[in-house]
N, C-alpha and C. Protein backbone atom coordinates (compact mmCIF):
# COMPACT_ATOMS: atom_id res chain seq x y z
N GLY A 1 0.80 -1.20 0.00
CA GLY A 1 0.00 0.00 0.00
C GLY A 1 0.85 1.26 0.00
N PHE A 2 1.93 1.22 0.78
CA PHE A 2 2.82 2.37 0.88
C PHE A 2 3.47 2.67 -0.47
N ALA A 3 3.98 1.63 -1.13
CA ALA A 3 4.62 1.81 -2.44
C ALA A 3 3.63 2.32 -3.47
N GLY A 4 2.42 1.79 -3.44
CA GLY A 4 1.40 2.23 -4.39
C GLY A 4 0.99 3.67 -4.17
N THR A 5 0.82 4.06 -2.91
CA THR A 5 0.41 5.43 -2.60
C THR A 5 1.48 6.43 -3.04
N LEU A 6 2.73 6.16 -2.68
CA LEU A 6 3.81 7.08 -3.07
C LEU A 6 4.04 7.10 -4.58
N GLY A 7 4.16 5.92 -5.15
CA GLY A 7 4.41 5.83 -6.59
C GLY A 7 3.26 6.38 -7.40
N GLY A 8 2.04 6.04 -6.99
CA GLY A 8 0.86 6.54 -7.70
C GLY A 8 0.73 8.04 -7.60
N GLY A 9 1.03 8.58 -6.44
CA GLY A 9 0.97 10.04 -6.27
C GLY A 9 1.95 10.76 -7.17
N ARG A 10 3.17 10.24 -7.22
CA ARG A 10 4.20 10.88 -8.08
C ARG A 10 3.83 10.77 -9.55
N LEU A 11 3.44 9.56 -9.98
CA LEU A 11 3.11 9.36 -11.39
C LEU A 11 1.87 10.17 -11.79
N ALA A 12 0.85 10.15 -10.95
CA ALA A 12 -0.37 10.91 -11.25
C ALA A 12 -0.08 12.40 -11.32
N SER A 13 0.79 12.91 -10.45
CA SER A 13 1.14 14.33 -10.48
C SER A 13 1.84 14.69 -11.78
N ARG A 14 2.73 13.84 -12.22
CA ARG A 14 3.42 14.09 -13.50
C ARG A 14 2.45 14.08 -14.67
N LEU A 15 1.56 13.10 -14.68
CA LEU A 15 0.59 13.02 -15.78
C LEU A 15 -0.37 14.21 -15.75
N ALA A 16 -0.79 14.61 -14.55
CA ALA A 16 -1.71 15.74 -14.43
C ALA A 16 -1.05 17.04 -14.88
N ALA A 17 0.25 17.18 -14.61
CA ALA A 17 0.97 18.39 -15.01
C ALA A 17 1.12 18.47 -16.53
N ARG A 18 1.21 17.33 -17.18
CA ARG A 18 1.35 17.30 -18.65
C ARG A 18 0.05 17.60 -19.38
N GLY A 19 -1.06 17.11 -18.82
CA GLY A 19 -2.35 17.26 -19.49
C GLY A 19 -2.92 18.64 -19.30
N GLY A 20 -3.88 18.98 -20.12
CA GLY A 20 -4.51 20.29 -20.02
C GLY A 20 -5.56 20.34 -18.92
N ASN A 21 -6.05 19.19 -18.51
CA ASN A 21 -7.09 19.12 -17.50
C ASN A 21 -6.60 18.20 -16.39
N SER A 22 -6.05 18.78 -15.34
CA SER A 22 -5.45 17.95 -14.28
C SER A 22 -6.51 17.14 -13.54
N ILE A 23 -7.71 17.66 -13.40
CA ILE A 23 -8.77 16.92 -12.73
C ILE A 23 -9.11 15.68 -13.53
N ARG A 24 -9.28 15.83 -14.81
CA ARG A 24 -9.57 14.67 -15.67
C ARG A 24 -8.43 13.66 -15.61
N SER A 25 -7.20 14.14 -15.61
CA SER A 25 -6.04 13.24 -15.53
C SER A 25 -6.04 12.43 -14.25
N LEU A 26 -6.36 13.07 -13.13
CA LEU A 26 -6.39 12.37 -11.85
C LEU A 26 -7.51 11.32 -11.81
N PHE A 27 -8.69 11.69 -12.32
CA PHE A 27 -9.78 10.71 -12.41
C PHE A 27 -9.35 9.53 -13.27
N LEU A 28 -8.79 9.82 -14.42
CA LEU A 28 -8.41 8.78 -15.37
C LEU A 28 -7.32 7.88 -14.79
N PHE A 29 -6.33 8.46 -14.14
CA PHE A 29 -5.26 7.67 -13.54
C PHE A 29 -5.84 6.70 -12.51
N THR A 30 -6.72 7.19 -11.66
CA THR A 30 -7.32 6.34 -10.63
C THR A 30 -8.16 5.23 -11.26
N GLY A 31 -8.92 5.57 -12.28
CA GLY A 31 -9.74 4.57 -12.96
C GLY A 31 -8.92 3.50 -13.63
N ILE A 32 -7.91 3.91 -14.36
CA ILE A 32 -7.08 2.94 -15.09
C ILE A 32 -6.29 2.07 -14.12
N SER A 33 -5.73 2.65 -13.08
CA SER A 33 -4.97 1.84 -12.12
C SER A 33 -5.88 0.82 -11.43
N SER A 34 -7.11 1.21 -11.13
CA SER A 34 -8.07 0.26 -10.54
C SER A 34 -8.40 -0.86 -11.51
N LEU A 35 -8.66 -0.49 -12.75
CA LEU A 35 -8.99 -1.51 -13.76
C LEU A 35 -7.81 -2.45 -14.03
N LEU A 36 -6.61 -1.91 -14.01
CA LEU A 36 -5.43 -2.76 -14.21
C LEU A 36 -5.24 -3.75 -13.06
N ALA A 37 -5.70 -3.40 -11.87
CA ALA A 37 -5.57 -4.28 -10.71
C ALA A 37 -6.49 -5.50 -10.78
N VAL A 38 -7.60 -5.37 -11.48
CA VAL A 38 -8.62 -6.41 -11.49
C VAL A 38 -8.10 -7.79 -11.90
N PRO A 39 -7.43 -7.94 -13.05
CA PRO A 39 -6.99 -9.29 -13.41
C PRO A 39 -5.97 -9.88 -12.43
N PHE A 40 -5.13 -9.04 -11.84
CA PHE A 40 -4.16 -9.53 -10.86
C PHE A 40 -4.86 -10.01 -9.59
N LEU A 41 -5.84 -9.25 -9.14
CA LEU A 41 -6.57 -9.63 -7.94
C LEU A 41 -7.38 -10.90 -8.18
N TYR A 42 -8.06 -10.96 -9.30
CA TYR A 42 -8.86 -12.15 -9.62
C TYR A 42 -7.96 -13.38 -9.74
N ALA A 43 -6.86 -13.23 -10.43
CA ALA A 43 -5.94 -14.35 -10.62
C ALA A 43 -5.31 -14.80 -9.32
N ALA A 44 -5.06 -13.86 -8.41
CA ALA A 44 -4.44 -14.21 -7.13
C ALA A 44 -5.26 -15.25 -6.38
N PHE A 45 -6.58 -15.13 -6.48
CA PHE A 45 -7.44 -16.06 -5.76
C PHE A 45 -7.82 -17.27 -6.61
N SER A 46 -7.13 -17.43 -7.73
CA SER A 46 -7.33 -18.59 -8.60
C SER A 46 -6.16 -19.55 -8.57
N VAL A 47 -5.00 -19.08 -8.15
CA VAL A 47 -3.79 -19.90 -8.22
C VAL A 47 -3.61 -20.71 -6.94
N GLN A 48 -2.86 -21.78 -7.06
CA GLN A 48 -2.56 -22.66 -5.92
C GLN A 48 -1.20 -22.35 -5.31
N ASP A 49 -0.28 -21.85 -6.12
CA ASP A 49 1.09 -21.62 -5.66
C ASP A 49 1.15 -20.37 -4.78
N ARG A 50 1.70 -20.51 -3.59
CA ARG A 50 1.76 -19.40 -2.63
C ARG A 50 2.60 -18.24 -3.14
N SER A 51 3.73 -18.53 -3.78
CA SER A 51 4.60 -17.45 -4.28
C SER A 51 3.90 -16.65 -5.36
N VAL A 52 3.20 -17.33 -6.26
CA VAL A 52 2.47 -16.64 -7.33
C VAL A 52 1.33 -15.83 -6.71
N PHE A 53 0.65 -16.41 -5.73
CA PHE A 53 -0.42 -15.70 -5.03
C PHE A 53 0.10 -14.39 -4.43
N LEU A 54 1.23 -14.46 -3.72
CA LEU A 54 1.79 -13.26 -3.09
C LEU A 54 2.22 -12.22 -4.11
N LEU A 55 2.81 -12.67 -5.20
CA LEU A 55 3.22 -11.74 -6.27
C LEU A 55 2.01 -11.04 -6.88
N LEU A 56 0.97 -11.82 -7.20
CA LEU A 56 -0.23 -11.23 -7.79
C LEU A 56 -0.92 -10.27 -6.82
N CYS A 57 -0.97 -10.64 -5.54
CA CYS A 57 -1.56 -9.74 -4.53
C CYS A 57 -0.75 -8.45 -4.40
N PHE A 58 0.57 -8.57 -4.45
CA PHE A 58 1.43 -7.39 -4.35
C PHE A 58 1.15 -6.43 -5.51
N VAL A 59 1.11 -6.96 -6.73
CA VAL A 59 0.86 -6.11 -7.90
C VAL A 59 -0.52 -5.47 -7.81
N ALA A 60 -1.53 -6.26 -7.43
CA ALA A 60 -2.89 -5.73 -7.31
C ALA A 60 -2.95 -4.63 -6.25
N GLU A 61 -2.29 -4.85 -5.12
CA GLU A 61 -2.33 -3.87 -4.04
C GLU A 61 -1.63 -2.57 -4.44
N VAL A 62 -0.49 -2.69 -5.10
CA VAL A 62 0.21 -1.48 -5.56
C VAL A 62 -0.69 -0.70 -6.51
N LEU A 63 -1.34 -1.39 -7.44
CA LEU A 63 -2.21 -0.71 -8.40
C LEU A 63 -3.43 -0.09 -7.71
N ILE A 64 -4.02 -0.80 -6.78
CA ILE A 64 -5.20 -0.26 -6.09
C ILE A 64 -4.82 0.97 -5.25
N PHE A 65 -3.74 0.87 -4.50
CA PHE A 65 -3.34 1.98 -3.64
C PHE A 65 -2.73 3.14 -4.42
N SER A 66 -2.38 2.94 -5.67
CA SER A 66 -1.82 4.05 -6.44
C SER A 66 -2.85 5.16 -6.68
N GLY A 67 -4.10 4.84 -6.49
CA GLY A 67 -5.14 5.86 -6.64
C GLY A 67 -5.41 6.68 -5.39
N THR A 68 -4.78 6.33 -4.27
CA THR A 68 -5.05 7.03 -3.00
C THR A 68 -4.67 8.51 -3.07
N ALA A 69 -3.46 8.80 -3.47
CA ALA A 69 -3.01 10.21 -3.53
C ALA A 69 -3.80 11.01 -4.57
N PRO A 70 -4.04 10.48 -5.78
CA PRO A 70 -4.85 11.25 -6.73
C PRO A 70 -6.27 11.53 -6.24
N VAL A 71 -6.87 10.58 -5.52
CA VAL A 71 -8.22 10.82 -4.98
C VAL A 71 -8.18 11.94 -3.96
N ASN A 72 -7.19 11.92 -3.09
CA ASN A 72 -7.07 13.03 -2.12
C ASN A 72 -6.83 14.35 -2.82
N ALA A 73 -6.02 14.34 -3.87
CA ALA A 73 -5.78 15.57 -4.64
C ALA A 73 -7.07 16.05 -5.30
N LEU A 74 -7.87 15.14 -5.80
CA LEU A 74 -9.15 15.52 -6.39
C LEU A 74 -10.04 16.19 -5.36
N ILE A 75 -10.13 15.60 -4.19
CA ILE A 75 -10.97 16.16 -3.14
C ILE A 75 -10.53 17.57 -2.77
N VAL A 76 -9.23 17.74 -2.58
CA VAL A 76 -8.70 19.04 -2.20
C VAL A 76 -8.87 20.06 -3.33
N SER A 77 -8.73 19.63 -4.56
CA SER A 77 -8.83 20.54 -5.71
C SER A 77 -10.25 21.00 -5.98
N ILE A 78 -11.20 20.13 -5.75
CA ILE A 78 -12.56 20.42 -6.16
C ILE A 78 -13.38 21.09 -5.07
N CYS A 79 -13.17 20.72 -3.81
CA CYS A 79 -14.03 21.27 -2.76
C CYS A 79 -13.61 22.70 -2.40
N PRO A 80 -14.53 23.47 -1.85
CA PRO A 80 -14.19 24.83 -1.42
C PRO A 80 -13.12 24.80 -0.33
N ALA A 81 -12.24 25.78 -0.35
CA ALA A 81 -11.10 25.83 0.58
C ALA A 81 -11.53 25.72 2.04
N ALA A 82 -12.64 26.33 2.40
CA ALA A 82 -13.10 26.31 3.79
C ALA A 82 -13.59 24.94 4.23
N LEU A 83 -13.83 24.04 3.27
CA LEU A 83 -14.39 22.73 3.60
C LEU A 83 -13.41 21.57 3.38
N VAL A 84 -12.14 21.84 3.09
CA VAL A 84 -11.18 20.78 2.79
C VAL A 84 -11.06 19.80 3.94
N THR A 85 -10.88 20.28 5.15
CA THR A 85 -10.71 19.39 6.30
C THR A 85 -11.97 18.58 6.56
N LEU A 86 -13.12 19.23 6.51
CA LEU A 86 -14.38 18.53 6.71
C LEU A 86 -14.58 17.47 5.62
N THR A 87 -14.28 17.82 4.39
CA THR A 87 -14.46 16.90 3.28
C THR A 87 -13.55 15.68 3.43
N GLN A 88 -12.30 15.90 3.83
CA GLN A 88 -11.38 14.78 4.05
C GLN A 88 -11.91 13.88 5.16
N GLY A 89 -12.39 14.46 6.24
CA GLY A 89 -12.93 13.67 7.34
C GLY A 89 -14.15 12.86 6.95
N VAL A 90 -15.06 13.48 6.22
CA VAL A 90 -16.26 12.78 5.76
C VAL A 90 -15.87 11.65 4.80
N THR A 91 -14.89 11.90 3.96
CA THR A 91 -14.43 10.87 3.03
C THR A 91 -13.86 9.67 3.78
N ILE A 92 -13.03 9.92 4.78
CA ILE A 92 -12.45 8.83 5.57
C ILE A 92 -13.56 8.06 6.29
N LEU A 93 -14.51 8.77 6.86
CA LEU A 93 -15.64 8.12 7.53
C LEU A 93 -16.43 7.26 6.55
N ALA A 94 -16.73 7.81 5.38
CA ALA A 94 -17.51 7.07 4.38
C ALA A 94 -16.78 5.82 3.90
N ILE A 95 -15.48 5.93 3.67
CA ILE A 95 -14.69 4.78 3.22
C ILE A 95 -14.76 3.67 4.26
N ASN A 96 -14.61 4.03 5.52
CA ASN A 96 -14.63 3.03 6.58
C ASN A 96 -16.03 2.49 6.84
N ALA A 97 -17.03 3.35 6.85
CA ALA A 97 -18.39 2.92 7.13
C ALA A 97 -18.99 2.09 5.99
N ALA A 98 -18.68 2.48 4.76
CA ALA A 98 -19.27 1.79 3.62
C ALA A 98 -18.40 0.67 3.08
N GLY A 99 -17.11 0.67 3.42
CA GLY A 99 -16.23 -0.35 2.86
C GLY A 99 -15.57 -1.22 3.90
N ALA A 100 -14.73 -0.64 4.72
CA ALA A 100 -13.92 -1.42 5.67
C ALA A 100 -14.78 -2.12 6.72
N LEU A 101 -15.85 -1.51 7.16
CA LEU A 101 -16.69 -2.11 8.18
C LEU A 101 -17.51 -3.29 7.65
N PRO A 102 -18.29 -3.12 6.58
CA PRO A 102 -19.12 -4.24 6.14
C PRO A 102 -18.40 -5.29 5.28
N ALA A 103 -17.24 -4.96 4.72
CA ALA A 103 -16.59 -5.89 3.79
C ALA A 103 -16.32 -7.28 4.38
N PRO A 104 -15.73 -7.39 5.58
CA PRO A 104 -15.50 -8.73 6.12
C PRO A 104 -16.80 -9.51 6.35
N LEU A 105 -17.85 -8.81 6.75
CA LEU A 105 -19.14 -9.47 6.96
C LEU A 105 -19.72 -9.99 5.64
N ILE A 106 -19.63 -9.15 4.62
CA ILE A 106 -20.15 -9.54 3.30
C ILE A 106 -19.35 -10.69 2.72
N VAL A 107 -18.02 -10.57 2.77
CA VAL A 107 -17.17 -11.64 2.24
C VAL A 107 -17.41 -12.94 3.02
N GLY A 108 -17.52 -12.83 4.34
CA GLY A 108 -17.79 -14.01 5.16
C GLY A 108 -19.11 -14.67 4.81
N ARG A 109 -20.14 -13.86 4.63
CA ARG A 109 -21.46 -14.38 4.27
C ARG A 109 -21.41 -15.06 2.91
N LEU A 110 -20.76 -14.42 1.94
CA LEU A 110 -20.62 -15.02 0.61
C LEU A 110 -19.81 -16.32 0.67
N ALA A 111 -18.78 -16.36 1.51
CA ALA A 111 -17.98 -17.57 1.66
C ALA A 111 -18.82 -18.70 2.26
N ASP A 112 -19.73 -18.35 3.17
CA ASP A 112 -20.61 -19.37 3.75
C ASP A 112 -21.54 -19.96 2.71
N VAL A 113 -22.01 -19.12 1.81
CA VAL A 113 -22.95 -19.55 0.78
C VAL A 113 -22.24 -20.29 -0.35
N SER A 114 -21.07 -19.84 -0.70
CA SER A 114 -20.33 -20.40 -1.84
C SER A 114 -19.00 -20.97 -1.34
N SER A 115 -17.93 -20.25 -1.63
CA SER A 115 -16.60 -20.64 -1.13
C SER A 115 -15.81 -19.36 -0.86
N LEU A 116 -14.78 -19.49 -0.06
CA LEU A 116 -13.95 -18.33 0.23
C LEU A 116 -13.31 -17.80 -1.04
N ARG A 117 -12.86 -18.70 -1.92
CA ARG A 117 -12.25 -18.29 -3.18
C ARG A 117 -13.23 -17.47 -4.01
N ASP A 118 -14.46 -17.94 -4.15
CA ASP A 118 -15.47 -17.19 -4.93
C ASP A 118 -15.76 -15.83 -4.29
N ALA A 119 -15.87 -15.82 -2.97
CA ALA A 119 -16.15 -14.57 -2.27
C ALA A 119 -15.03 -13.56 -2.48
N LEU A 120 -13.79 -14.01 -2.40
CA LEU A 120 -12.66 -13.11 -2.59
C LEU A 120 -12.53 -12.66 -4.05
N GLN A 121 -12.88 -13.53 -4.98
CA GLN A 121 -12.84 -13.12 -6.39
C GLN A 121 -13.87 -12.05 -6.69
N LEU A 122 -14.95 -12.02 -5.93
CA LEU A 122 -15.95 -10.96 -6.12
C LEU A 122 -15.40 -9.59 -5.75
N LEU A 123 -14.37 -9.56 -4.92
CA LEU A 123 -13.72 -8.28 -4.61
C LEU A 123 -13.15 -7.66 -5.88
N ALA A 124 -12.66 -8.50 -6.78
CA ALA A 124 -12.14 -7.99 -8.05
C ALA A 124 -13.26 -7.32 -8.85
N VAL A 125 -14.45 -7.88 -8.77
CA VAL A 125 -15.60 -7.27 -9.46
C VAL A 125 -15.92 -5.90 -8.86
N ALA A 126 -15.86 -5.79 -7.54
CA ALA A 126 -16.09 -4.50 -6.88
C ALA A 126 -15.04 -3.47 -7.31
N ILE A 127 -13.78 -3.89 -7.39
CA ILE A 127 -12.71 -2.99 -7.84
C ILE A 127 -12.95 -2.59 -9.29
N MET A 128 -13.43 -3.53 -10.10
CA MET A 128 -13.71 -3.21 -11.51
C MET A 128 -14.78 -2.12 -11.60
N PHE A 129 -15.85 -2.25 -10.81
CA PHE A 129 -16.89 -1.23 -10.83
C PHE A 129 -16.35 0.13 -10.37
N SER A 130 -15.50 0.14 -9.35
CA SER A 130 -14.94 1.42 -8.91
C SER A 130 -14.07 2.02 -10.02
N GLY A 131 -13.30 1.18 -10.70
CA GLY A 131 -12.47 1.67 -11.82
C GLY A 131 -13.32 2.26 -12.93
N LEU A 132 -14.45 1.62 -13.20
CA LEU A 132 -15.36 2.14 -14.24
C LEU A 132 -15.97 3.47 -13.81
N ILE A 133 -16.28 3.61 -12.53
CA ILE A 133 -16.84 4.87 -12.03
C ILE A 133 -15.80 5.98 -12.15
N TRP A 134 -14.54 5.71 -11.74
CA TRP A 134 -13.50 6.74 -11.84
C TRP A 134 -13.24 7.11 -13.31
N THR A 135 -13.22 6.11 -14.17
CA THR A 135 -12.99 6.38 -15.60
C THR A 135 -14.15 7.18 -16.18
N SER A 136 -15.36 6.85 -15.77
CA SER A 136 -16.53 7.61 -16.19
C SER A 136 -16.43 9.06 -15.73
N GLY A 137 -15.93 9.26 -14.50
CA GLY A 137 -15.71 10.63 -14.00
C GLY A 137 -14.75 11.39 -14.88
N ALA A 138 -13.71 10.69 -15.37
CA ALA A 138 -12.74 11.35 -16.25
C ALA A 138 -13.39 11.75 -17.57
N LEU A 139 -14.20 10.87 -18.11
CA LEU A 139 -14.83 11.16 -19.40
C LEU A 139 -15.88 12.26 -19.28
N ARG A 140 -16.49 12.38 -18.13
CA ARG A 140 -17.53 13.39 -17.92
C ARG A 140 -17.00 14.71 -17.37
N SER A 141 -15.74 14.71 -16.95
CA SER A 141 -15.18 15.88 -16.28
C SER A 141 -15.00 17.04 -17.25
N SER A 142 -15.60 18.16 -16.88
CA SER A 142 -15.38 19.39 -17.64
C SER A 142 -14.71 20.43 -16.74
N TYR A 143 -14.46 20.04 -15.50
CA TYR A 143 -13.84 20.93 -14.52
C TYR A 143 -12.36 21.05 -14.85
N VAL A 144 -11.92 22.24 -15.21
CA VAL A 144 -10.55 22.44 -15.64
C VAL A 144 -9.75 23.25 -14.63
N GLN A 145 -10.35 24.26 -14.08
CA GLN A 145 -9.62 25.21 -13.25
C GLN A 145 -9.58 24.76 -11.80
N LYS A 146 -8.39 24.74 -11.22
CA LYS A 146 -8.26 24.45 -9.81
C LYS A 146 -8.61 25.70 -9.03
N ARG A 147 -9.08 25.50 -7.82
CA ARG A 147 -9.44 26.67 -7.00
C ARG A 147 -8.19 27.39 -6.55
N ASP A 148 -8.30 28.65 -6.35
CA ASP A 148 -7.19 29.46 -5.84
C ASP A 148 -7.42 29.71 -4.37
N ASP A 149 -6.40 29.45 -3.56
CA ASP A 149 -6.54 29.67 -2.10
C ASP A 149 -6.13 31.07 -1.76
């Protein structure tokens, strides 16, 4: 996660600086990195070899976490200056309440109904949908100007 966050932040910043629309670039970077993680994550829960599993999980995690810094940059760039701290706090709360809290329960329930492998592979589907949402945000983004503090 650490490598993905740092590397993704640096790469996304470079790409955003090159493009004419930094907001669109950040959305697109997050979407593409999420979509690239999907086959690695899905494959990780399909293989039997532990070394291959760990390698695939590592690649998927780096790709997933590479969107962390660009998402934070998007939040800071788009929201009004007086609401940056509040927006960051609400975002962290929403991520934990909607994702980190129910995810183990949902995966556990799905594993009870099917198998742990199937339940974990469904996580790749969730990541795919998030990647499609971020990519859709990039395609729909007309916001060009960053706010001035």
